[in-house]
Amino acid sequence: MKRLLLSAFLSFALAPTASSFALMEHTFEDNLKISEVAVIGSAASERHQIAEDPSGHFYVTISVRQVLKGRVRPQIELLVTPDDVEFDPRCCVLDGMYILLLKKIDSNRYATVNGHFGAYEIR
């Protein structure tokens, strides 16, 4: 099932693009290789700050539907930067479903690999 989902997604993946002011988009395969965790999940909250986090960063709570790589809790906090919202305002819309390729920040907080290119909306 996991291979089928990944194969289907890869057939619809966008071609890499770049500009002098943006991150260079890596292929899905490269992002998957460098990720610590890969999940299919849905946004269970709007953007919010975490009281214990002095950084002032914003997060979105993700309900994990299926783990494709690594191990995670059923709910995780995904770092959402202003650049993520600027370049891809759909990530992460409440109840939106995504394939997320992640690197661990701390015990239950994650960031996408390769900036906003590590989040893929499923329609």
PDB file of N, CA and C in Angstrom:
ATOM      1  N   MET A   1       0.827  -1.195   0.000  1.00  0.00           N
ATOM      2  CA  MET A   1       0.000   0.000   0.000  1.00  0.00           C
ATOM      3  C   MET A   1       0.868   1.254   0.000  1.00  0.00           C
ATOM      4  N   LYS A   2       1.927   1.253   0.848  1.00  0.00           N
ATOM      5  CA  LYS A   2       2.804   2.414   0.925  1.00  0.00           C
ATOM      6  C   LYS A   2       3.477   2.664  -0.419  1.00  0.00           C
ATOM      7  N   ARG A   3       3.951   1.588  -1.058  1.00  0.00           N
ATOM      8  CA  ARG A   3       4.607   1.733  -2.361  1.00  0.00           C
ATOM      9  C   ARG A   3       3.623   2.245  -3.404  1.00  0.00           C
ATOM     10  N   LEU A   4       2.400   1.774  -3.345  1.00  0.00           N
ATOM     11  CA  LEU A   4       1.385   2.217  -4.284  1.00  0.00           C
ATOM     12  C   LEU A   4       1.118   3.703  -4.124  1.00  0.00           C
ATOM     13  N   LEU A   5       0.970   4.166  -2.877  1.00  0.00           N
ATOM     14  CA  LEU A   5       0.761   5.596  -2.627  1.00  0.00           C
ATOM     15  C   LEU A   5       1.937   6.421  -3.115  1.00  0.00           C
ATOM     16  N   LEU A   6       3.152   5.990  -2.800  1.00  0.00           N
ATOM     17  CA  LEU A   6       4.330   6.735  -3.234  1.00  0.00           C
ATOM     18  C   LEU A   6       4.459   6.724  -4.747  1.00  0.00           C
ATOM     19  N   SER A   7       4.202   5.596  -5.382  1.00  0.00           N
ATOM     20  CA  SER A   7       4.281   5.509  -6.838  1.00  0.00           C
ATOM     21  C   SER A   7       3.267   6.426  -7.497  1.00  0.00           C
ATOM     22  N   ALA A   8       2.050   6.413  -6.973  1.00  0.00           N
ATOM     23  CA  ALA A   8       1.004   7.282  -7.528  1.00  0.00           C
ATOM     24  C   ALA A   8       1.384   8.742  -7.362  1.00  0.00           C
ATOM     25  N   PHE A   9       1.896   9.070  -6.206  1.00  0.00           N
ATOM     26  CA  PHE A   9       2.276  10.462  -5.974  1.00  0.00           C
ATOM     27  C   PHE A   9       3.414  10.879  -6.888  1.00  0.00           C
ATOM     28  N   LEU A  10       4.410  10.030  -7.028  1.00  0.00           N
ATOM     29  CA  LEU A  10       5.566  10.366  -7.849  1.00  0.00           C
ATOM     30  C   LEU A  10       5.176  10.624  -9.297  1.00  0.00           C
ATOM     31  N   SER A  11       4.177   9.932  -9.777  1.00  0.00           N
ATOM     32  CA  SER A  11       3.754  10.139 -11.155  1.00  0.00           C
ATOM     33  C   SER A  11       3.114  11.509 -11.370  1.00  0.00           C
ATOM     34  N   PHE A  12       2.664  12.147 -10.282  1.00  0.00           N
ATOM     35  CA  PHE A  12       2.046  13.467 -10.379  1.00  0.00           C
ATOM     36  C   PHE A  12       2.923  14.584  -9.834  1.00  0.00           C
ATOM     37  N   ALA A  13       4.121  14.248  -9.377  1.00  0.00           N
ATOM     38  CA  ALA A  13       4.996  15.256  -8.760  1.00  0.00           C
ATOM     39  C   ALA A  13       5.382  16.322  -9.779  1.00  0.00           C
ATOM     40  N   LEU A  14       5.550  17.520  -9.296  1.00  0.00           N
ATOM     41  CA  LEU A  14       5.934  18.631 -10.155  1.00  0.00           C
ATOM     42  C   LEU A  14       7.407  18.553 -10.493  1.00  0.00           C
ATOM     43  N   ALA A  15       7.766  19.073 -11.656  1.00  0.00           N
ATOM     44  CA  ALA A  15       9.170  19.146 -12.048  1.00  0.00           C
ATOM     45  C   ALA A  15       9.873  20.184 -11.195  1.00  0.00           C
ATOM     46  N   PRO A  16      11.145  19.971 -10.865  1.00  0.00           N
ATOM     47  CA  PRO A  16      11.883  20.936 -10.040  1.00  0.00           C
ATOM     48  C   PRO A  16      11.973  22.304 -10.704  1.00  0.00           C
ATOM     49  N   THR A  17      11.882  23.344  -9.871  1.00  0.00           N
ATOM     50  CA  THR A  17      12.039  24.706 -10.350  1.00  0.00           C
ATOM     51  C   THR A  17      12.950  25.447  -9.394  1.00  0.00           C
ATOM     52  N   ALA A  18      13.527  26.544  -9.878  1.00  0.00           N
ATOM     53  CA  ALA A  18      14.402  27.327  -9.007  1.00  0.00           C
ATOM     54  C   ALA A  18      14.467  28.755  -9.503  1.00  0.00           C
ATOM     55  N   SER A  19      14.738  29.667  -8.603  1.00  0.00           N
ATOM     56  CA  SER A  19      15.047  31.041  -8.957  1.00  0.00           C
ATOM     57  C   SER A  19      16.183  31.484  -8.060  1.00  0.00           C
ATOM     58  N   SER A  20      16.779  32.608  -8.381  1.00  0.00           N
ATOM     59  CA  SER A  20      17.926  33.046  -7.594  1.00  0.00           C
ATOM     60  C   SER A  20      17.543  33.433  -6.175  1.00  0.00           C
ATOM     61  N   PHE A  21      16.255  33.638  -5.894  1.00  0.00           N
ATOM     62  CA  PHE A  21      15.818  34.059  -4.569  1.00  0.00           C
ATOM     63  C   PHE A  21      15.076  32.974  -3.806  1.00  0.00           C
ATOM     64  N   ALA A  22      14.975  31.783  -4.364  1.00  0.00           N
ATOM     65  CA  ALA A  22      14.189  30.724  -3.739  1.00  0.00           C
ATOM     66  C   ALA A  22      15.066  29.509  -3.462  1.00  0.00           C
ATOM     67  N   LEU A  23      14.565  28.622  -2.620  1.00  0.00           N
ATOM     68  CA  LEU A  23      15.223  27.343  -2.390  1.00  0.00           C
ATOM     69  C   LEU A  23      15.205  26.539  -3.674  1.00  0.00           C
ATOM     70  N   MET A  24      16.207  25.719  -3.856  1.00  0.00           N
ATOM     71  CA  MET A  24      16.232  24.809  -5.001  1.00  0.00           C
ATOM     72  C   MET A  24      15.400  23.589  -4.638  1.00  0.00           C
ATOM     73  N   GLU A  25      14.399  23.303  -5.433  1.00  0.00           N
ATOM     74  CA  GLU A  25      13.555  22.144  -5.146  1.00  0.00           C
ATOM     75  C   GLU A  25      14.283  20.870  -5.540  1.00  0.00           C
ATOM     76  N   HIS A  26      14.357  19.937  -4.601  1.00  0.00           N
ATOM     77  CA  HIS A  26      14.941  18.633  -4.870  1.00  0.00           C
ATOM     78  C   HIS A  26      13.829  17.698  -5.330  1.00  0.00           C
ATOM     79  N   THR A  27      14.199  16.578  -5.902  1.00  0.00           N
ATOM     80  CA  THR A  27      13.191  15.608  -6.308  1.00  0.00           C
ATOM     81  C   THR A  27      12.539  15.010  -5.064  1.00  0.00           C
ATOM     82  N   PHE A  28      11.370  14.441  -5.262  1.00  0.00           N
ATOM     83  CA  PHE A  28      10.684  13.764  -4.168  1.00  0.00           C
ATOM     84  C   PHE A  28      11.583  12.673  -3.591  1.00  0.00           C
ATOM     85  N   GLU A  29      12.246  11.917  -4.473  1.00  0.00           N
ATOM     86  CA  GLU A  29      13.109  10.830  -4.026  1.00  0.00           C
ATOM     87  C   GLU A  29      14.242  11.349  -3.142  1.00  0.00           C
ATOM     88  N   ASP A  30      14.875  12.465  -3.545  1.00  0.00           N
ATOM     89  CA  ASP A  30      15.958  13.041  -2.748  1.00  0.00           C
ATOM     90  C   ASP A  30      15.442  13.533  -1.401  1.00  0.00           C
ATOM     91  N   ASN A  31      14.289  14.205  -1.407  1.00  0.00           N
ATOM     92  CA  ASN A  31      13.705  14.676  -0.142  1.00  0.00           C
ATOM     93  C   ASN A  31      13.366  13.507   0.766  1.00  0.00           C
ATOM     94  N   LEU A  32      12.854  12.431   0.201  1.00  0.00           N
ATOM     95  CA  LEU A  32      12.524  11.248   0.990  1.00  0.00           C
ATOM     96  C   LEU A  32      13.789  10.640   1.608  1.00  0.00           C
ATOM     97  N   LYS A  33      14.870  10.593   0.849  1.00  0.00           N
ATOM     98  CA  LYS A  33      16.131  10.032   1.355  1.00  0.00           C
ATOM     99  C   LYS A  33      16.667  10.825   2.539  1.00  0.00           C
ATOM    100  N   ILE A  34      16.582  12.159   2.478  1.00  0.00           N
ATOM    101  CA  ILE A  34      17.161  12.969   3.548  1.00  0.00           C
ATOM    102  C   ILE A  34      16.221  13.155   4.736  1.00  0.00           C
ATOM    103  N   SER A  35      14.960  12.783   4.566  1.00  0.00           N
ATOM    104  CA  SER A  35      14.006  12.923   5.674  1.00  0.00           C
ATOM    105  C   SER A  35      14.260  11.862   6.737  1.00  0.00           C
ATOM    106  N   GLU A  36      13.981  12.231   7.982  1.00  0.00           N
ATOM    107  CA  GLU A  36      14.033  11.274   9.085  1.00  0.00           C
ATOM    108  C   GLU A  36      12.697  10.564   9.220  1.00  0.00           C
ATOM    109  N   VAL A  37      11.636  11.279   8.865  1.00  0.00           N
ATOM    110  CA  VAL A  37      10.264  10.796   9.026  1.00  0.00           C
ATOM    111  C   VAL A  37       9.466  11.193   7.785  1.00  0.00           C
ATOM    112  N   ALA A  38       8.592  10.300   7.336  1.00  0.00           N
ATOM    113  CA  ALA A  38       7.654  10.614   6.253  1.00  0.00           C
ATOM    114  C   ALA A  38       6.278  10.132   6.686  1.00  0.00           C
ATOM    115  N   VAL A  39       5.292  11.017   6.591  1.00  0.00           N
ATOM    116  CA  VAL A  39       3.940  10.667   7.028  1.00  0.00           C
ATOM    117  C   VAL A  39       2.906  11.195   6.047  1.00  0.00           C
ATOM    118  N   ILE A  40       1.748  10.581   6.106  1.00  0.00           N
ATOM    119  CA  ILE A  40       0.546  11.158   5.516  1.00  0.00           C
ATOM    120  C   ILE A  40      -0.251  11.663   6.692  1.00  0.00           C
ATOM    121  N   GLY A  41      -0.620  12.936   6.662  1.00  0.00           N
ATOM    122  CA  GLY A  41      -1.328  13.505   7.801  1.00  0.00           C
ATOM    123  C   GLY A  41      -2.217  14.656   7.399  1.00  0.00           C
ATOM    124  N   SER A  42      -3.063  15.055   8.328  1.00  0.00           N
ATOM    125  CA  SER A  42      -3.967  16.182   8.080  1.00  0.00           C
ATOM    126  C   SER A  42      -3.750  17.243   9.156  1.00  0.00           C
ATOM    127  N   ALA A  43      -3.939  18.477   8.752  1.00  0.00           N
ATOM    128  CA  ALA A  43      -3.787  19.593   9.682  1.00  0.00           C
ATOM    129  C   ALA A  43      -4.969  19.588  10.644  1.00  0.00           C
ATOM    130  N   ALA A  44      -4.666  19.465  11.941  1.00  0.00           N
ATOM    131  CA  ALA A  44      -5.709  19.383  12.962  1.00  0.00           C
ATOM    132  C   ALA A  44      -5.872  20.699  13.716  1.00  0.00           C
ATOM    133  N   SER A  45      -5.095  21.717  13.328  1.00  0.00           N
ATOM    134  CA  SER A  45      -5.209  23.016  13.994  1.00  0.00           C
ATOM    135  C   SER A  45      -4.823  24.123  13.020  1.00  0.00           C
ATOM    136  N   GLU A  46      -5.189  25.335  13.384  1.00  0.00           N
ATOM    137  CA  GLU A  46      -4.687  26.511  12.684  1.00  0.00           C
ATOM    138  C   GLU A  46      -3.276  26.769  13.195  1.00  0.00           C
ATOM    139  N   ARG A  47      -2.590  27.715  12.592  1.00  0.00           N
ATOM    140  CA  ARG A  47      -1.258  28.089  13.082  1.00  0.00           C
ATOM    141  C   ARG A  47      -1.369  28.599  14.512  1.00  0.00           C
ATOM    142  N   HIS A  48      -0.424  28.184  15.353  1.00  0.00           N
ATOM    143  CA  HIS A  48      -0.428  28.606  16.752  1.00  0.00           C
ATOM    144  C   HIS A  48       0.999  28.614  17.289  1.00  0.00           C
ATOM    145  N   GLN A  49       1.186  29.317  18.371  1.00  0.00           N
ATOM    146  CA  GLN A  49       2.472  29.304  19.057  1.00  0.00           C
ATOM    147  C   GLN A  49       2.369  28.351  20.243  1.00  0.00           C
ATOM    148  N   ILE A  50       3.497  27.786  20.634  1.00  0.00           N
ATOM    149  CA  ILE A  50       3.542  26.880  21.770  1.00  0.00           C
ATOM    150  C   ILE A  50       4.139  27.642  22.942  1.00  0.00           C
ATOM    151  N   ALA A  51       3.413  27.672  24.048  1.00  0.00           N
ATOM    152  CA  ALA A  51       3.797  28.499  25.202  1.00  0.00           C
ATOM    153  C   ALA A  51       5.209  28.200  25.694  1.00  0.00           C
ATOM    154  N   GLU A  52       5.602  26.922  25.702  1.00  0.00           N
ATOM    155  CA  GLU A  52       6.923  26.552  26.218  1.00  0.00           C
ATOM    156  C   GLU A  52       8.050  26.839  25.234  1.00  0.00           C
ATOM    157  N   ASP A  53       7.715  27.285  24.015  1.00  0.00           N
ATOM    158  CA  ASP A  53       8.723  27.521  22.986  1.00  0.00           C
ATOM    159  C   ASP A  53       9.058  29.008  22.940  1.00  0.00           C
ATOM    160  N   PRO A  54      10.242  29.394  23.440  1.00  0.00           N
ATOM    161  CA  PRO A  54      10.601  30.808  23.488  1.00  0.00           C
ATOM    162  C   PRO A  54      10.960  31.401  22.123  1.00  0.00           C
ATOM    163  N   SER A  55      11.023  30.582  21.062  1.00  0.00           N
ATOM    164  CA  SER A  55      11.440  31.070  19.746  1.00  0.00           C
ATOM    165  C   SER A  55      10.409  31.992  19.103  1.00  0.00           C
ATOM    166  N   GLY A  56       9.148  31.840  19.505  1.00  0.00           N
ATOM    167  CA  GLY A  56       8.093  32.626  18.866  1.00  0.00           C
ATOM    168  C   GLY A  56       7.640  32.066  17.529  1.00  0.00           C
ATOM    169  N   HIS A  57       8.139  30.873  17.154  1.00  0.00           N
ATOM    170  CA  HIS A  57       7.739  30.257  15.892  1.00  0.00           C
ATOM    171  C   HIS A  57       6.288  29.780  15.950  1.00  0.00           C
ATOM    172  N   PHE A  58       5.715  29.609  14.771  1.00  0.00           N
ATOM    173  CA  PHE A  58       4.361  29.092  14.657  1.00  0.00           C
ATOM    174  C   PHE A  58       4.398  27.623  14.248  1.00  0.00           C
ATOM    175  N   TYR A  59       3.408  26.875  14.723  1.00  0.00           N
ATOM    176  CA  TYR A  59       3.287  25.459  14.432  1.00  0.00           C
ATOM    177  C   TYR A  59       1.861  25.147  14.008  1.00  0.00           C
ATOM    178  N   VAL A  60       1.709  24.008  13.329  1.00  0.00           N
ATOM    179  CA  VAL A  60       0.405  23.438  13.003  1.00  0.00           C
ATOM    180  C   VAL A  60       0.413  22.025  13.569  1.00  0.00           C
ATOM    181  N   THR A  61      -0.646  21.643  14.267  1.00  0.00           N
ATOM    182  CA  THR A  61      -0.761  20.275  14.769  1.00  0.00           C
ATOM    183  C   THR A  61      -1.183  19.380  13.611  1.00  0.00           C
ATOM    184  N   ILE A  62      -0.441  18.309  13.408  1.00  0.00           N
ATOM    185  CA  ILE A  62      -0.724  17.353  12.338  1.00  0.00           C
ATOM    186  C   ILE A  62      -1.193  16.045  12.960  1.00  0.00           C
ATOM    187  N   SER A  63      -2.355  15.566  12.528  1.00  0.00           N
ATOM    188  CA  SER A  63      -2.823  14.228  12.907  1.00  0.00           C
ATOM    189  C   SER A  63      -2.244  13.251  11.896  1.00  0.00           C
ATOM    190  N   VAL A  64      -1.417  12.348  12.375  1.00  0.00           N
ATOM    191  CA  VAL A  64      -0.750  11.394  11.498  1.00  0.00           C
ATOM    192  C   VAL A  64      -1.738  10.298  11.123  1.00  0.00           C
ATOM    193  N   ARG A  65      -1.950  10.128   9.817  1.00  0.00           N
ATOM    194  CA  ARG A  65      -2.869   9.091   9.320  1.00  0.00           C
ATOM    195  C   ARG A  65      -2.114   7.804   9.004  1.00  0.00           C
ATOM    196  N   GLN A  66      -0.882   7.967   8.445  1.00  0.00           N
ATOM    197  CA  GLN A  66      -0.077   6.799   8.116  1.00  0.00           C
ATOM    198  C   GLN A  66       1.400   7.196   8.150  1.00  0.00           C
ATOM    199  N   VAL A  67       2.204   6.340   8.753  1.00  0.00           N
ATOM    200  CA  VAL A  67       3.647   6.555   8.801  1.00  0.00           C
ATOM    201  C   VAL A  67       4.279   5.787   7.641  1.00  0.00           C
ATOM    202  N   LEU A  68       5.020   6.499   6.802  1.00  0.00           N
ATOM    203  CA  LEU A  68       5.683   5.888   5.659  1.00  0.00           C
ATOM    204  C   LEU A  68       7.155   5.594   5.942  1.00  0.00           C
ATOM    205  N   LYS A  69       7.729   6.362   6.881  1.00  0.00           N
ATOM    206  CA  LYS A  69       9.144   6.193   7.229  1.00  0.00           C
ATOM    207  C   LYS A  69       9.349   6.706   8.650  1.00  0.00           C
ATOM    208  N   GLY A  70      10.113   5.973   9.455  1.00  0.00           N
ATOM    209  CA  GLY A  70      10.416   6.409  10.809  1.00  0.00           C
ATOM    210  C   GLY A  70       9.299   6.072  11.787  1.00  0.00           C
ATOM    211  N   ARG A  71       9.370   6.717  12.962  1.00  0.00           N
ATOM    212  CA  ARG A  71       8.372   6.509  14.022  1.00  0.00           C
ATOM    213  C   ARG A  71       7.987   7.859  14.593  1.00  0.00           C
ATOM    214  N   VAL A  72       6.691   8.074  14.753  1.00  0.00           N
ATOM    215  CA  VAL A  72       6.181   9.323  15.328  1.00  0.00           C
ATOM    216  C   VAL A  72       4.946   9.031  16.172  1.00  0.00           C
ATOM    217  N   ARG A  73       4.593  10.004  16.963  1.00  0.00           N
ATOM    218  CA  ARG A  73       3.360   9.932  17.757  1.00  0.00           C
ATOM    219  C   ARG A  73       2.157  10.162  16.830  1.00  0.00           C
ATOM    220  N   PRO A  74       0.963   9.870  17.314  1.00  0.00           N
ATOM    221  CA  PRO A  74      -0.242  10.077  16.488  1.00  0.00           C
ATOM    222  C   PRO A  74      -0.494  11.545  16.123  1.00  0.00           C
ATOM    223  N   GLN A  75       0.014  12.469  16.942  1.00  0.00           N
ATOM    224  CA  GLN A  75      -0.077  13.899  16.620  1.00  0.00           C
ATOM    225  C   GLN A  75       1.302  14.511  16.786  1.00  0.00           C
ATOM    226  N   ILE A  76       1.681  15.357  15.828  1.00  0.00           N
ATOM    227  CA  ILE A  76       2.968  16.039  15.887  1.00  0.00           C
ATOM    228  C   ILE A  76       2.755  17.523  15.633  1.00  0.00           C
ATOM    229  N   GLU A  77       3.758  18.315  15.987  1.00  0.00           N
ATOM    230  CA  GLU A  77       3.735  19.751  15.727  1.00  0.00           C
ATOM    231  C   GLU A  77       4.689  20.034  14.567  1.00  0.00           C
ATOM    232  N   LEU A  78       4.167  20.680  13.524  1.00  0.00           N
ATOM    233  CA  LEU A  78       4.942  21.005  12.340  1.00  0.00           C
ATOM    234  C   LEU A  78       5.257  22.492  12.330  1.00  0.00           C
ATOM    235  N   LEU A  79       6.540  22.830  12.238  1.00  0.00           N
ATOM    236  CA  LEU A  79       6.970  24.216  12.156  1.00  0.00           C
ATOM    237  C   LEU A  79       6.492  24.813  10.836  1.00  0.00           C
ATOM    238  N   VAL A  80       5.845  25.977  10.913  1.00  0.00           N
ATOM    239  CA  VAL A  80       5.381  26.684   9.721  1.00  0.00           C
ATOM    240  C   VAL A  80       6.017  28.065   9.759  1.00  0.00           C
ATOM    241  N   THR A  81       6.907  28.325   8.809  1.00  0.00           N
ATOM    242  CA  THR A  81       7.600  29.615   8.771  1.00  0.00           C
ATOM    243  C   THR A  81       6.846  30.591   7.882  1.00  0.00           C
ATOM    244  N   PRO A  82       7.125  31.881   8.007  1.00  0.00           N
ATOM    245  CA  PRO A  82       6.494  32.854   7.098  1.00  0.00           C
ATOM    246  C   PRO A  82       6.771  32.535   5.633  1.00  0.00           C
ATOM    247  N   ASP A  83       7.962  31.985   5.318  1.00  0.00           N
ATOM    248  CA  ASP A  83       8.266  31.620   3.932  1.00  0.00           C
ATOM    249  C   ASP A  83       7.352  30.520   3.428  1.00  0.00           C
ATOM    250  N   ASP A  84       7.012  29.548   4.292  1.00  0.00           N
ATOM    251  CA  ASP A  84       6.104  28.471   3.889  1.00  0.00           C
ATOM    252  C   ASP A  84       4.759  29.048   3.472  1.00  0.00           C
ATOM    253  N   VAL A  85       4.263  29.980   4.241  1.00  0.00           N
ATOM    254  CA  VAL A  85       2.962  30.580   3.959  1.00  0.00           C
ATOM    255  C   VAL A  85       3.043  31.448   2.714  1.00  0.00           C
ATOM    256  N   GLU A  86       4.152  32.185   2.560  1.00  0.00           N
ATOM    257  CA  GLU A  86       4.315  33.059   1.400  1.00  0.00           C
ATOM    258  C   GLU A  86       4.377  32.270   0.096  1.00  0.00           C
ATOM    259  N   PHE A  87       5.171  31.185   0.077  1.00  0.00           N
ATOM    260  CA  PHE A  87       5.351  30.424  -1.148  1.00  0.00           C
ATOM    261  C   PHE A  87       4.246  29.411  -1.395  1.00  0.00           C
ATOM    262  N   ASP A  88       3.630  28.898  -0.361  1.00  0.00           N
ATOM    263  CA  ASP A  88       2.595  27.884  -0.514  1.00  0.00           C
ATOM    264  C   ASP A  88       1.547  28.060   0.575  1.00  0.00           C
ATOM    265  N   PRO A  89       0.643  29.027   0.385  1.00  0.00           N
ATOM    266  CA  PRO A  89      -0.331  29.320   1.442  1.00  0.00           C
ATOM    267  C   PRO A  89      -1.295  28.165   1.746  1.00  0.00           C
ATOM    268  N   ARG A  90      -1.327  27.117   0.908  1.00  0.00           N
ATOM    269  CA  ARG A  90      -2.209  25.977   1.198  1.00  0.00           C
ATOM    270  C   ARG A  90      -1.670  25.126   2.331  1.00  0.00           C
ATOM    271  N   CYS A  91      -0.385  25.226   2.631  1.00  0.00           N
ATOM    272  CA  CYS A  91       0.191  24.406   3.701  1.00  0.00           C
ATOM    273  C   CYS A  91       0.189  25.197   5.001  1.00  0.00           C
ATOM    274  N   CYS A  92      -0.469  24.878   5.927  1.00  0.00           N
ATOM    275  CA  CYS A  92      -1.276  23.691   6.088  1.00  0.00           C
ATOM    276  C   CYS A  92      -2.678  24.131   6.477  1.00  0.00           C
ATOM    277  N   VAL A  93      -3.577  23.964   5.583  1.00  0.00           N
ATOM    278  CA  VAL A  93      -4.964  24.349   5.781  1.00  0.00           C
ATOM    279  C   VAL A  93      -5.653  23.344   6.690  1.00  0.00           C
ATOM    280  N   LEU A  94      -6.457  23.838   7.606  1.00  0.00           N
ATOM    281  CA  LEU A  94      -7.194  22.971   8.525  1.00  0.00           C
ATOM    282  C   LEU A  94      -7.915  21.875   7.749  1.00  0.00           C
ATOM    283  N   ASP A  95      -7.709  20.636   8.163  1.00  0.00           N
ATOM    284  CA  ASP A  95      -8.265  19.427   7.552  1.00  0.00           C
ATOM    285  C   ASP A  95      -7.647  19.077   6.203  1.00  0.00           C
ATOM    286  N   GLY A  96      -6.679  19.859   5.717  1.00  0.00           N
ATOM    287  CA  GLY A  96      -5.980  19.509   4.488  1.00  0.00           C
ATOM    288  C   GLY A  96      -5.131  18.265   4.708  1.00  0.00           C
ATOM    289  N   MET A  97      -4.979  17.447   3.672  1.00  0.00           N
ATOM    290  CA  MET A  97      -4.217  16.200   3.758  1.00  0.00           C
ATOM    291  C   MET A  97      -2.908  16.370   2.995  1.00  0.00           C
ATOM    292  N   TYR A  98      -1.814  15.890   3.600  1.00  0.00           N
ATOM    293  CA  TYR A  98      -0.482  16.123   3.051  1.00  0.00           C
ATOM    294  C   TYR A  98       0.406  14.897   3.202  1.00  0.00           C
ATOM    295  N   ILE A  99       1.335  14.737   2.266  1.00  0.00           N
ATOM    296  CA  ILE A  99       2.493  13.880   2.470  1.00  0.00           C
ATOM    297  C   ILE A  99       3.567  14.829   2.980  1.00  0.00           C
ATOM    298  N   LEU A 100       4.126  14.521   4.151  1.00  0.00           N
ATOM    299  CA  LEU A 100       5.112  15.392   4.792  1.00  0.00           C
ATOM    300  C   LEU A 100       6.419  14.636   4.972  1.00  0.00           C
ATOM    301  N   LEU A 101       7.493  15.207   4.422  1.00  0.00           N
ATOM    302  CA  LEU A 101       8.832  14.657   4.570  1.00  0.00           C
ATOM    303  C   LEU A 101       9.545  15.535   5.579  1.00  0.00           C
ATOM    304  N   LEU A 102       9.910  14.942   6.722  1.00  0.00           N
ATOM    305  CA  LEU A 102      10.262  15.734   7.898  1.00  0.00           C
ATOM    306  C   LEU A 102      11.627  15.436   8.480  1.00  0.00           C
ATOM    307  N   LYS A 103      12.151  16.443   9.167  1.00  0.00           N
ATOM    308  CA  LYS A 103      13.327  16.281  10.021  1.00  0.00           C
ATOM    309  C   LYS A 103      12.901  16.695  11.424  1.00  0.00           C
ATOM    310  N   LYS A 104      13.465  16.034  12.404  1.00  0.00           N
ATOM    311  CA  LYS A 104      13.075  16.251  13.800  1.00  0.00           C
ATOM    312  C   LYS A 104      13.749  17.502  14.356  1.00  0.00           C
ATOM    313  N   ILE A 105      12.967  18.325  15.064  1.00  0.00           N
ATOM    314  CA  ILE A 105      13.500  19.485  15.771  1.00  0.00           C
ATOM    315  C   ILE A 105      13.758  19.103  17.222  1.00  0.00           C
ATOM    316  N   ASP A 106      12.748  18.524  17.858  1.00  0.00           N
ATOM    317  CA  ASP A 106      12.881  17.993  19.218  1.00  0.00           C
ATOM    318  C   ASP A 106      11.868  16.871  19.393  1.00  0.00           C
ATOM    319  N   SER A 107      11.517  16.531  20.611  1.00  0.00           N
ATOM    320  CA  SER A 107      10.754  15.305  20.879  1.00  0.00           C
ATOM    321  C   SER A 107       9.472  15.150  20.061  1.00  0.00           C
ATOM    322  N   ASN A 108       8.741  16.216  19.800  1.00  0.00           N
ATOM    323  CA  ASN A 108       7.500  16.073  19.036  1.00  0.00           C
ATOM    324  C   ASN A 108       7.302  17.221  18.047  1.00  0.00           C
ATOM    325  N   ARG A 109       8.386  17.913  17.731  1.00  0.00           N
ATOM    326  CA  ARG A 109       8.308  19.025  16.774  1.00  0.00           C
ATOM    327  C   ARG A 109       9.170  18.702  15.562  1.00  0.00           C
ATOM    328  N   TYR A 110       8.632  19.018  14.388  1.00  0.00           N
ATOM    329  CA  TYR A 110       9.286  18.679  13.136  1.00  0.00           C
ATOM    330  C   TYR A 110       9.241  19.861  12.178  1.00  0.00           C
ATOM    331  N   ALA A 111      10.158  19.833  11.217  1.00  0.00           N
ATOM    332  CA  ALA A 111      10.163  20.794  10.111  1.00  0.00           C
ATOM    333  C   ALA A 111      10.239  19.987   8.820  1.00  0.00           C
ATOM    334  N   THR A 112       9.708  20.534   7.744  1.00  0.00           N
ATOM    335  CA  THR A 112       9.800  19.842   6.465  1.00  0.00           C
ATOM    336  C   THR A 112      11.228  19.929   5.939  1.00  0.00           C
ATOM    337  N   VAL A 113      11.657  18.906   5.222  1.00  0.00           N
ATOM    338  CA  VAL A 113      12.965  18.949   4.571  1.00  0.00           C
ATOM    339  C   VAL A 113      12.853  19.846   3.343  1.00  0.00           C
ATOM    340  N   ASN A 114      13.947  20.485   2.973  1.00  0.00           N
ATOM    341  CA  ASN A 114      13.989  21.315   1.769  1.00  0.00           C
ATOM    342  C   ASN A 114      12.926  22.412   1.796  1.00  0.00           C
ATOM    343  N   GLY A 115      12.756  23.023   2.989  1.00  0.00           N
ATOM    344  CA  GLY A 115      11.796  24.125   3.117  1.00  0.00           C
ATOM    345  C   GLY A 115      10.388  23.692   2.788  1.00  0.00           C
ATOM    346  N   HIS A 116       9.661  24.558   2.106  1.00  0.00           N
ATOM    347  CA  HIS A 116       8.256  24.252   1.780  1.00  0.00           C
ATOM    348  C   HIS A 116       8.109  23.135   0.760  1.00  0.00           C
ATOM    349  N   PHE A 117       9.225  22.701   0.149  1.00  0.00           N
ATOM    350  CA  PHE A 117       9.160  21.624  -0.828  1.00  0.00           C
ATOM    351  C   PHE A 117       9.010  20.247  -0.193  1.00  0.00           C
ATOM    352  N   GLY A 118       9.048  20.157   1.130  1.00  0.00           N
ATOM    353  CA  GLY A 118       8.878  18.888   1.818  1.00  0.00           C
ATOM    354  C   GLY A 118       7.438  18.578   2.175  1.00  0.00           C
ATOM    355  N   ALA A 119       6.509  19.444   1.758  1.00  0.00           N
ATOM    356  CA  ALA A 119       5.077  19.222   2.015  1.00  0.00           C
ATOM    357  C   ALA A 119       4.351  19.119   0.676  1.00  0.00           C
ATOM    358  N   TYR A 120       3.602  18.036   0.503  1.00  0.00           N
ATOM    359  CA  TYR A 120       2.895  17.793  -0.727  1.00  0.00           C
ATOM    360  C   TYR A 120       1.409  17.613  -0.439  1.00  0.00           C
ATOM    361  N   GLU A 121       0.604  18.499  -0.961  1.00  0.00           N
ATOM    362  CA  GLU A 121      -0.842  18.407  -0.716  1.00  0.00           C
ATOM    363  C   GLU A 121      -1.417  17.234  -1.500  1.00  0.00           C
ATOM    364  N   ILE A 122      -2.306  16.484  -0.860  1.00  0.00           N
ATOM    365  CA  ILE A 122      -3.013  15.389  -1.508  1.00  0.00           C
ATOM    366  C   ILE A 122      -4.424  15.875  -1.790  1.00  0.00           C
ATOM    367  N   ARG A 123      -4.857  15.753  -2.992  1.00  0.00           N
ATOM    368  CA  ARG A 123      -6.212  16.224  -3.367  1.00  0.00           C
ATOM    369  C   ARG A 123      -7.103  15.073  -3.687  1.00  0.00           C
TER     370      ARG A 123
END
